[in-house]
Amino acid sequence: MHMTIALHTRLSTCALGVILLFTACRKTDSVNTTVTPVATLFSPDDNKSVDLSATAAVVFEWDAALAADGGLVLYSVAFDKTGGDFSKPVYTLPSDGNGLYTKATLTKEILNTIARLAGVQPLGTGQFIWTVYSSKGVNKVKAGMTRNLAITRALGVDNPPADVYITGTATEGGADLSKALKFKQTAAGKYEIYTSLGAGAYHFVSANTGTPDVFYTDVDGKTIRQGAGETAVTGPTKEVRIRLDFNVVTVQNTEIKELALWFAPVNGTLFNLDYSAGGVWKAASKPISFHQESWGRDERYKFRMQINDGTADSYEWWGSKNSDNSRPDASAPLTFWDLYLVDDSQYNYCFKFVTAADGANCDVNMYFTADKANYTHEVIVK
C-alpha cells in the first residue's frame, strides 16, 4: 500500500514538472519584444563638427523608446559614412549604463577610432551620419531620424605600434613578411632603422606575423599614413636611415653616402667601412698604426658619417660618450664601444685602440641594429 502511494506521488510530481516546463516554454514563446523607434535625436546638433585636438568627449542624447511589454529598452548608437545606409556601419556601441540610458558618452579615443576605421588620416576630416537603435536585445529598430557629424582627427597616432618593421620588394627582406626588418625604438612613438633600399616598393607594419597594422609614406615623402599603400623606390641600391615619429606622423629619410674611421692624430680619415646588411658596416683587415707624438703614441679615433637629407650633404660624427678616455684593456666593459652622436672636434669624444692594435691589421665593425641597447662597434685585432 505504501509503495503504491509513493509511486503515485512520484509520477504526479514528474507530470507536474512536465506541465510546468511546457507552460514556461509557452510563456517564453509569447514574450513581446516589440519596441518603438526613437523619435528624436537631441544632441549633438545636426552638422556638428568635432575637432579631436580640442575635444575630450562628446555626449549623444535622444528621447526614450517604448516597449510593448512595458519593460526596459536597450539602446545602441551606430555610425556610418555619409551616404551609407547603416547596413554595414563603421562603428556601433551600446549607450551608457550597458545600453540602458538614453545617452552615450563617446571619448576622444572612441571618436578617433571611428574616424580611423573609416580611413580618415591624422589631421583629416571625415563626414559621418549617426543614429540610434532601440530593442529588447533582439529585433533592433532604427530611429526615425539621422544626423550628420564631422570628425577631424588630431595630429599624431593615439596608440603608436609597440614595434615597427619595414617590408616590401625594395627592402633587404623582400616582400616576405616574416623577413621584415625591425626598427629600433628611440623614444615614445619614435623609431629608426639603418638599412638599404633598392628598386621596388616598401611599407611599414606593426608585426612580422599575422595581419599587422600597415603604414606608408605619403606622396609628400614626409608624412606617415595608415592603411594600404607603398612607397616606390627607383635607381641603384642606397644605404639609408629612416626615422618615424608617430607623435607628429612624420617621416625622415636620410641617405648614408659614406662611413669612415676618423683618426684624430692626422685630423682625417684612415679608411671607409662598407655596408654589409641589416644595419652593419664593416672594414676588414685594415692596417692600424698609432701616431708618434713627443709624449707617446696617439691612438684616438671616432667615425664620420656623410649623409644627405635630400637637400645637401653634411657630416655626422659618432664617438664616445666621454670627452676623453684611457686606453682600453681586457677589463673594459662592452659599453666602452657604444656609439653616440658627438661634435666634430679633432680630439674630443674619441675612442682609443687597444695596445695590440698598433702595427696590426684589424677588422672594424659598426652595428646600427635594433637588437643592441645602444649602437656600438668592435675592433678585432688579427
Protein backbone atom coordinates (compact mmCIF):
# COMPACT_ATOMS: atom_id res chain seq x y z
CA MET A 1 0.00 0.00 0.00
CA HIS A 2 2.72 2.43 0.95
CA MET A 3 4.73 1.52 -2.16
CA THR A 4 1.71 2.26 -4.36
CA ILE A 5 1.18 5.68 -2.78
CA ALA A 6 4.89 6.58 -3.13
CA LEU A 7 4.93 5.51 -6.76
CA HIS A 8 1.80 7.51 -7.47
CA THR A 9 3.32 10.56 -5.79
CA ARG A 10 6.48 10.35 -7.88
CA LEU A 11 4.51 10.01 -11.08
CA SER A 12 2.37 13.01 -10.16
CA THR A 13 5.48 15.09 -9.41
CA CYS A 14 7.05 14.23 -12.76
CA ALA A 15 3.84 15.02 -14.59
CA LEU A 16 3.63 18.37 -12.84
CA GLY A 17 7.22 19.15 -13.81
CA VAL A 18 6.49 18.42 -17.44
CA ILE A 19 3.40 20.64 -17.34
CA LEU A 20 5.35 23.48 -15.72
CA LEU A 21 8.16 23.14 -18.24
CA PHE A 22 5.72 23.17 -21.15
CA THR A 23 3.96 26.19 -19.67
CA ALA A 24 7.26 28.02 -19.20
CA CYS A 25 8.21 27.37 -22.80
CA ARG A 26 4.86 28.66 -24.00
CA LYS A 27 5.29 31.81 -21.89
CA THR A 28 8.79 32.43 -23.34
CA ASP A 29 7.47 31.97 -26.84
CA SER A 30 4.80 34.57 -26.21
CA VAL A 31 7.14 37.33 -24.93
CA ASN A 32 6.54 40.53 -26.85
CA THR A 33 9.86 42.07 -27.99
CA THR A 34 8.26 44.93 -29.88
CA VAL A 35 9.69 48.42 -29.22
CA THR A 36 9.07 51.77 -30.80
CA PRO A 37 11.80 53.58 -32.70
CA VAL A 38 13.48 56.57 -31.11
CA ALA A 39 11.66 59.58 -32.48
CA THR A 40 14.07 62.44 -31.78
CA LEU A 41 17.83 62.85 -31.52
CA PHE A 42 18.70 65.68 -29.15
CA SER A 43 22.47 66.15 -29.29
CA PRO A 44 24.90 66.82 -30.73
CA ASP A 45 23.26 69.19 -33.19
CA ASP A 46 22.96 68.22 -36.82
CA ASN A 47 26.10 69.02 -38.85
CA LYS A 48 28.17 69.28 -35.68
CA SER A 49 31.94 69.48 -36.26
CA VAL A 50 34.22 67.82 -33.71
CA ASP A 51 37.94 68.63 -33.64
CA LEU A 52 39.66 65.89 -31.64
CA SER A 53 42.69 68.07 -30.92
CA ALA A 54 40.42 70.18 -28.68
CA THR A 55 37.78 67.67 -27.55
CA ALA A 56 37.82 65.30 -24.58
CA ALA A 57 34.39 63.71 -25.15
CA VAL A 58 31.03 64.24 -26.89
CA VAL A 59 27.67 63.27 -25.35
CA PHE A 60 24.99 61.84 -27.69
CA GLU A 61 21.39 62.05 -26.38
CA TRP A 62 17.90 61.08 -27.62
CA ASP A 63 14.35 60.58 -26.36
CA ALA A 64 13.11 57.30 -24.91
CA ALA A 65 11.52 54.50 -26.89
CA LEU A 66 8.63 52.40 -25.54
CA ALA A 67 8.43 48.63 -25.09
CA ALA A 68 5.15 46.77 -25.75
CA ASP A 69 5.59 44.80 -22.52
CA GLY A 70 6.24 47.98 -20.52
CA GLY A 71 9.74 46.82 -19.66
CA LEU A 72 13.22 48.23 -20.23
CA VAL A 73 14.53 49.21 -23.64
CA LEU A 74 18.15 48.82 -24.74
CA TYR A 75 19.88 51.37 -26.97
CA SER A 76 22.91 51.40 -29.27
CA VAL A 77 24.45 54.20 -31.33
CA ALA A 78 25.59 53.49 -34.88
CA PHE A 79 27.90 55.48 -37.17
CA ASP A 80 28.25 55.24 -40.92
CA LYS A 81 29.91 57.26 -43.64
CA THR A 82 27.80 59.97 -45.23
CA GLY A 83 25.72 58.31 -47.92
CA GLY A 84 25.67 54.96 -46.10
CA ASP A 85 22.52 53.11 -45.04
CA PHE A 86 23.81 51.50 -41.80
CA SER A 87 23.67 48.03 -43.34
CA LYS A 88 27.40 47.81 -42.55
CA PRO A 89 28.02 50.61 -40.03
CA VAL A 90 31.54 51.82 -39.40
CA TYR A 91 31.06 51.54 -35.65
CA THR A 92 28.34 50.59 -33.16
CA LEU A 93 28.37 50.78 -29.38
CA PRO A 94 25.83 50.46 -26.54
CA SER A 95 24.60 53.54 -24.72
CA ASP A 96 25.78 54.41 -21.22
CA GLY A 97 24.73 52.06 -18.44
CA ASN A 98 25.36 48.99 -20.62
CA GLY A 99 22.71 50.12 -23.07
CA LEU A 100 20.03 51.25 -20.59
CA TYR A 101 20.49 55.04 -20.76
CA THR A 102 19.23 57.41 -23.44
CA LYS A 103 22.69 58.88 -23.88
CA ALA A 104 26.15 57.72 -24.88
CA THR A 105 29.38 59.41 -23.87
CA LEU A 106 31.98 58.99 -26.62
CA THR A 107 35.54 59.77 -25.60
CA LYS A 108 38.14 61.26 -27.88
CA GLU A 109 39.69 57.80 -28.23
CA ILE A 110 36.40 56.26 -29.45
CA LEU A 111 35.72 59.09 -31.89
CA ASN A 112 39.27 58.77 -33.20
CA THR A 113 38.73 55.04 -33.69
CA ILE A 114 35.56 55.72 -35.68
CA ALA A 115 37.38 58.16 -37.94
CA ARG A 116 40.40 55.86 -38.34
CA LEU A 117 38.22 52.86 -39.24
CA ALA A 118 36.62 55.00 -41.93
CA GLY A 119 40.06 55.73 -43.41
CA VAL A 120 40.43 59.30 -42.13
CA GLN A 121 44.11 60.18 -41.73
CA PRO A 122 45.59 62.33 -38.92
CA LEU A 123 44.55 65.98 -39.41
CA GLY A 124 41.97 64.80 -41.94
CA THR A 125 38.20 65.27 -41.61
CA GLY A 126 35.57 62.59 -42.14
CA GLN A 127 31.86 63.10 -42.78
CA PHE A 128 29.54 60.73 -40.89
CA ILE A 129 25.90 60.07 -40.13
CA TRP A 130 24.71 58.64 -36.83
CA THR A 131 21.51 57.22 -35.45
CA VAL A 132 20.17 55.15 -32.53
CA TYR A 133 18.71 51.65 -32.42
CA SER A 134 16.22 50.54 -29.74
CA SER A 135 15.48 46.92 -28.86
CA LYS A 136 14.76 44.30 -26.22
CA GLY A 137 18.07 42.71 -27.11
CA VAL A 138 16.64 41.37 -30.38
CA ASN A 139 14.75 42.91 -33.30
CA LYS A 140 16.56 46.22 -33.27
CA VAL A 141 14.58 49.18 -34.57
CA LYS A 142 16.30 52.13 -36.22
CA ALA A 143 15.41 55.65 -35.07
CA GLY A 144 13.17 57.74 -37.24
CA MET A 145 15.96 60.24 -37.97
CA THR A 146 19.72 60.52 -38.50
CA ARG A 147 22.15 63.36 -38.01
CA ASN A 148 25.37 64.45 -39.68
CA LEU A 149 28.69 64.70 -37.85
CA ALA A 150 32.15 65.81 -39.00
CA ILE A 151 35.16 64.41 -37.16
CA THR A 152 38.63 65.94 -37.57
CA ARG A 153 41.46 63.78 -36.30
CA ALA A 154 44.29 65.25 -34.29
CA LEU A 155 47.91 65.18 -35.38
CA GLY A 156 49.70 62.01 -34.35
CA VAL A 157 48.70 58.46 -33.64
CA ASP A 158 46.94 57.93 -30.32
CA ASN A 159 48.29 54.41 -29.90
CA PRO A 160 51.61 54.03 -31.74
CA PRO A 161 52.52 50.44 -32.52
CA ALA A 162 54.70 48.66 -29.97
CA ASP A 163 57.02 47.55 -32.78
CA VAL A 164 57.62 48.72 -36.34
CA TYR A 165 59.09 46.76 -39.26
CA ILE A 166 59.87 47.56 -42.88
CA THR A 167 58.92 45.16 -45.66
CA GLY A 168 58.43 45.13 -49.42
CA THR A 169 60.28 44.37 -52.61
CA ALA A 170 62.66 47.31 -52.13
CA THR A 171 63.88 46.07 -48.73
CA GLU A 172 66.61 43.65 -47.70
CA GLY A 173 63.99 41.16 -46.50
CA GLY A 174 61.92 41.40 -49.67
CA ALA A 175 58.14 41.01 -49.66
CA ASP A 176 58.24 38.06 -47.24
CA LEU A 177 56.58 39.44 -44.08
CA SER A 178 58.46 37.00 -41.85
CA LYS A 179 61.73 38.58 -43.04
CA ALA A 180 60.67 42.16 -42.34
CA LEU A 181 63.40 44.22 -40.66
CA LYS A 182 62.75 45.72 -37.24
CA PHE A 183 63.11 49.39 -36.34
CA LYS A 184 64.84 50.46 -33.13
CA GLN A 185 62.63 52.45 -30.75
CA THR A 186 64.49 55.60 -29.73
CA ALA A 187 61.75 57.28 -27.63
CA ALA A 188 57.99 57.03 -27.06
CA GLY A 189 56.40 56.82 -30.52
CA LYS A 190 59.77 57.27 -32.28
CA TYR A 191 61.61 54.64 -34.33
CA GLU A 192 64.56 54.46 -36.71
CA ILE A 193 66.29 51.93 -38.91
CA TYR A 194 69.61 51.79 -40.78
CA THR A 195 69.18 49.67 -43.88
CA SER A 196 69.44 49.64 -47.67
CA LEU A 197 66.73 50.16 -50.27
CA GLY A 198 66.79 49.07 -53.89
CA ALA A 199 64.36 49.31 -56.79
CA GLY A 200 60.87 48.26 -55.77
CA ALA A 201 58.46 49.44 -53.05
CA TYR A 202 58.19 49.32 -49.28
CA HIS A 203 55.83 49.99 -46.39
CA PHE A 204 55.80 49.65 -42.61
CA VAL A 205 53.99 47.10 -40.43
CA SER A 206 53.40 46.64 -36.70
CA ALA A 207 54.45 42.96 -36.70
CA ASN A 208 56.16 40.41 -38.92
CA THR A 209 53.45 37.78 -38.43
CA GLY A 210 49.66 37.59 -38.77
CA THR A 211 47.71 40.59 -40.04
CA PRO A 212 49.55 43.64 -38.71
CA ASP A 213 48.61 47.30 -38.93
CA VAL A 214 50.04 48.86 -42.10
CA PHE A 215 51.58 52.30 -42.57
CA TYR A 216 53.22 54.04 -45.50
CA THR A 217 54.82 57.32 -46.52
CA ASP A 218 52.53 59.85 -48.16
CA VAL A 219 53.36 61.30 -51.58
CA ASP A 220 54.99 64.28 -49.86
CA GLY A 221 57.64 61.88 -48.53
CA LYS A 222 57.33 63.37 -45.05
CA THR A 223 54.07 62.09 -43.57
CA ILE A 224 53.05 58.72 -42.09
CA ARG A 225 49.73 57.40 -43.37
CA GLN A 226 47.87 54.37 -42.07
CA GLY A 227 46.33 51.84 -44.42
CA ALA A 228 47.20 50.10 -47.65
CA GLY A 229 49.91 51.98 -49.53
CA GLU A 230 53.55 51.73 -50.55
CA THR A 231 56.49 53.96 -51.35
CA ALA A 232 58.19 53.35 -54.69
CA VAL A 233 61.98 53.27 -54.99
CA THR A 234 63.89 53.67 -58.26
CA GLY A 235 67.56 53.73 -59.15
CA PRO A 236 70.54 51.93 -57.60
CA THR A 237 70.54 50.47 -54.09
CA LYS A 238 71.39 53.00 -51.38
CA GLU A 239 72.05 52.88 -47.66
CA VAL A 240 69.53 54.93 -45.71
CA ARG A 241 68.33 55.88 -42.27
CA ILE A 242 64.56 56.11 -41.87
CA ARG A 243 63.12 57.86 -38.83
CA LEU A 244 59.42 57.62 -37.96
CA ASP A 245 57.70 59.81 -35.37
CA PHE A 246 54.14 58.65 -34.74
CA ASN A 247 53.59 61.52 -32.31
CA VAL A 248 53.59 64.00 -35.17
CA VAL A 249 53.22 61.43 -38.03
CA THR A 250 56.46 62.44 -39.73
CA VAL A 251 58.97 60.51 -41.83
CA GLN A 252 62.60 61.50 -42.29
CA ASN A 253 64.65 59.69 -44.94
CA THR A 254 68.41 60.24 -44.96
CA GLU A 255 70.87 58.73 -47.41
CA ILE A 256 74.13 57.48 -45.90
CA LYS A 257 76.75 58.15 -48.54
CA GLU A 258 79.91 57.23 -46.64
CA LEU A 259 81.08 55.94 -43.26
CA ALA A 260 84.74 56.34 -42.40
CA LEU A 261 87.11 55.91 -39.46
CA TRP A 262 88.39 59.32 -38.38
CA PHE A 263 91.93 59.23 -36.95
CA ALA A 264 92.41 62.22 -34.68
CA PRO A 265 96.25 62.47 -34.87
CA VAL A 266 96.14 63.09 -38.62
CA ASN A 267 92.90 65.11 -38.49
CA GLY A 268 91.46 62.96 -41.26
CA THR A 269 90.03 59.58 -42.20
CA LEU A 270 92.05 56.36 -42.49
CA PHE A 271 89.58 54.16 -44.40
CA ASN A 272 85.91 53.64 -45.21
CA LEU A 273 83.62 50.96 -43.84
CA ASP A 274 81.44 49.15 -46.37
CA TYR A 275 77.80 48.37 -45.76
CA SER A 276 77.18 44.67 -45.18
CA ALA A 277 73.48 44.12 -44.35
CA GLY A 278 71.00 44.59 -41.53
CA GLY A 279 72.43 47.91 -40.35
CA VAL A 280 76.04 46.67 -40.12
CA TRP A 281 79.11 48.35 -41.67
CA LYS A 282 82.45 46.53 -41.90
CA ALA A 283 86.09 47.17 -42.74
CA ALA A 284 88.24 44.03 -42.96
CA SER A 285 91.99 43.67 -42.24
CA LYS A 286 92.80 47.36 -42.15
CA PRO A 287 96.34 48.30 -41.01
CA ILE A 288 96.41 50.40 -37.85
CA SER A 289 99.47 52.36 -36.81
CA PHE A 290 99.40 54.74 -33.87
CA HIS A 291 100.85 58.21 -34.45
CA GLN A 292 104.10 59.08 -32.76
CA GLU A 293 103.93 62.24 -30.67
CA SER A 294 106.56 63.81 -28.41
CA TRP A 295 104.71 62.44 -25.40
CA GLY A 296 103.99 58.96 -26.80
CA ARG A 297 101.77 57.04 -29.26
CA ASP A 298 98.41 58.60 -30.15
CA GLU A 299 95.57 56.16 -30.92
CA ARG A 300 92.42 58.31 -30.75
CA TYR A 301 89.64 57.77 -33.28
CA LYS A 302 85.93 58.21 -33.95
CA PHE A 303 83.71 57.90 -37.01
CA ARG A 304 82.47 60.32 -39.64
CA MET A 305 79.24 59.63 -41.50
CA GLN A 306 78.47 61.57 -44.68
CA ILE A 307 74.72 61.95 -45.13
CA ASN A 308 72.25 63.68 -47.42
CA ASP A 309 68.79 64.68 -46.20
CA GLY A 310 67.52 65.31 -49.71
CA THR A 311 68.86 68.84 -49.97
CA ALA A 312 72.60 68.80 -49.29
CA ASP A 313 75.47 66.69 -48.00
CA SER A 314 76.63 67.04 -44.40
CA TYR A 315 78.54 65.09 -41.76
CA GLU A 316 77.54 63.35 -38.56
CA TRP A 317 80.15 62.30 -36.03
CA TRP A 318 79.90 59.15 -33.96
CA GLY A 319 82.13 58.75 -30.92
CA SER A 320 82.35 58.05 -27.21
CA LYS A 321 80.04 59.46 -24.55
CA ASN A 322 83.22 60.54 -22.71
CA SER A 323 85.15 63.58 -23.87
CA ASP A 324 88.37 61.73 -23.05
CA ASN A 325 89.22 58.07 -22.48
CA SER A 326 92.03 55.87 -21.23
CA ARG A 327 93.34 53.13 -23.49
CA PRO A 328 91.04 50.10 -23.02
CA ASP A 329 92.27 46.69 -21.89
CA ALA A 330 90.67 43.29 -21.34
CA SER A 331 88.71 44.59 -18.34
CA ALA A 332 86.99 47.40 -20.29
CA PRO A 333 83.18 47.00 -20.29
CA LEU A 334 81.39 46.42 -23.59
CA THR A 335 79.71 49.79 -23.14
CA PHE A 336 83.10 51.42 -23.79
CA TRP A 337 82.50 50.86 -27.52
CA ASP A 338 78.93 52.24 -27.57
CA LEU A 339 78.36 54.95 -30.19
CA TYR A 340 76.89 58.39 -29.62
CA LEU A 341 76.40 61.44 -31.82
CA VAL A 342 79.22 63.85 -30.93
CA ASP A 343 80.76 67.07 -32.19
CA ASP A 344 83.28 67.49 -35.00
CA SER A 345 86.25 68.48 -32.83
CA GLN A 346 89.57 66.83 -33.69
CA TYR A 347 90.25 65.13 -30.37
CA ASN A 348 87.16 65.29 -28.12
CA TYR A 349 84.85 62.28 -27.62
CA CYS A 350 87.30 59.90 -29.25
CA PHE A 351 87.80 56.20 -28.57
CA LYS A 352 91.24 54.68 -28.15
CA PHE A 353 92.51 51.48 -29.74
CA VAL A 354 93.79 48.64 -27.56
CA THR A 355 97.59 48.44 -27.38
CA ALA A 356 97.70 45.28 -29.53
CA ALA A 357 96.16 47.17 -32.47
CA ASP A 358 99.33 49.24 -33.03
CA GLY A 359 101.06 47.85 -36.13
CA ALA A 360 98.42 45.16 -36.68
CA ASN A 361 95.65 44.55 -39.16
CA CYS A 362 92.19 44.94 -37.66
CA ASP A 363 88.56 44.35 -38.52
CA VAL A 364 86.31 47.26 -37.59
CA ASN A 365 82.57 46.60 -37.45
CA MET A 366 79.79 49.10 -36.65
CA TYR A 367 76.34 47.95 -35.53
CA PHE A 368 73.35 50.23 -36.10
CA THR A 369 70.88 47.47 -35.27
CA ALA A 370 67.63 47.18 -33.31
CA ASP A 371 68.89 44.30 -31.15
CA LYS A 372 71.53 46.49 -29.49
CA ALA A 373 70.66 48.53 -26.42
CA ASN A 374 72.93 51.21 -27.92
CA TYR A 375 74.54 51.40 -31.32
CA THR A 376 78.06 50.09 -30.94
CA HIS A 377 81.24 48.92 -32.68
CA GLU A 378 84.10 46.49 -32.29
CA VAL A 379 87.76 46.33 -33.25
CA ILE A 380 89.16 42.85 -33.81
CA VAL A 381 92.95 42.58 -33.88
CA LYS A 382 94.01 39.94 -36.44
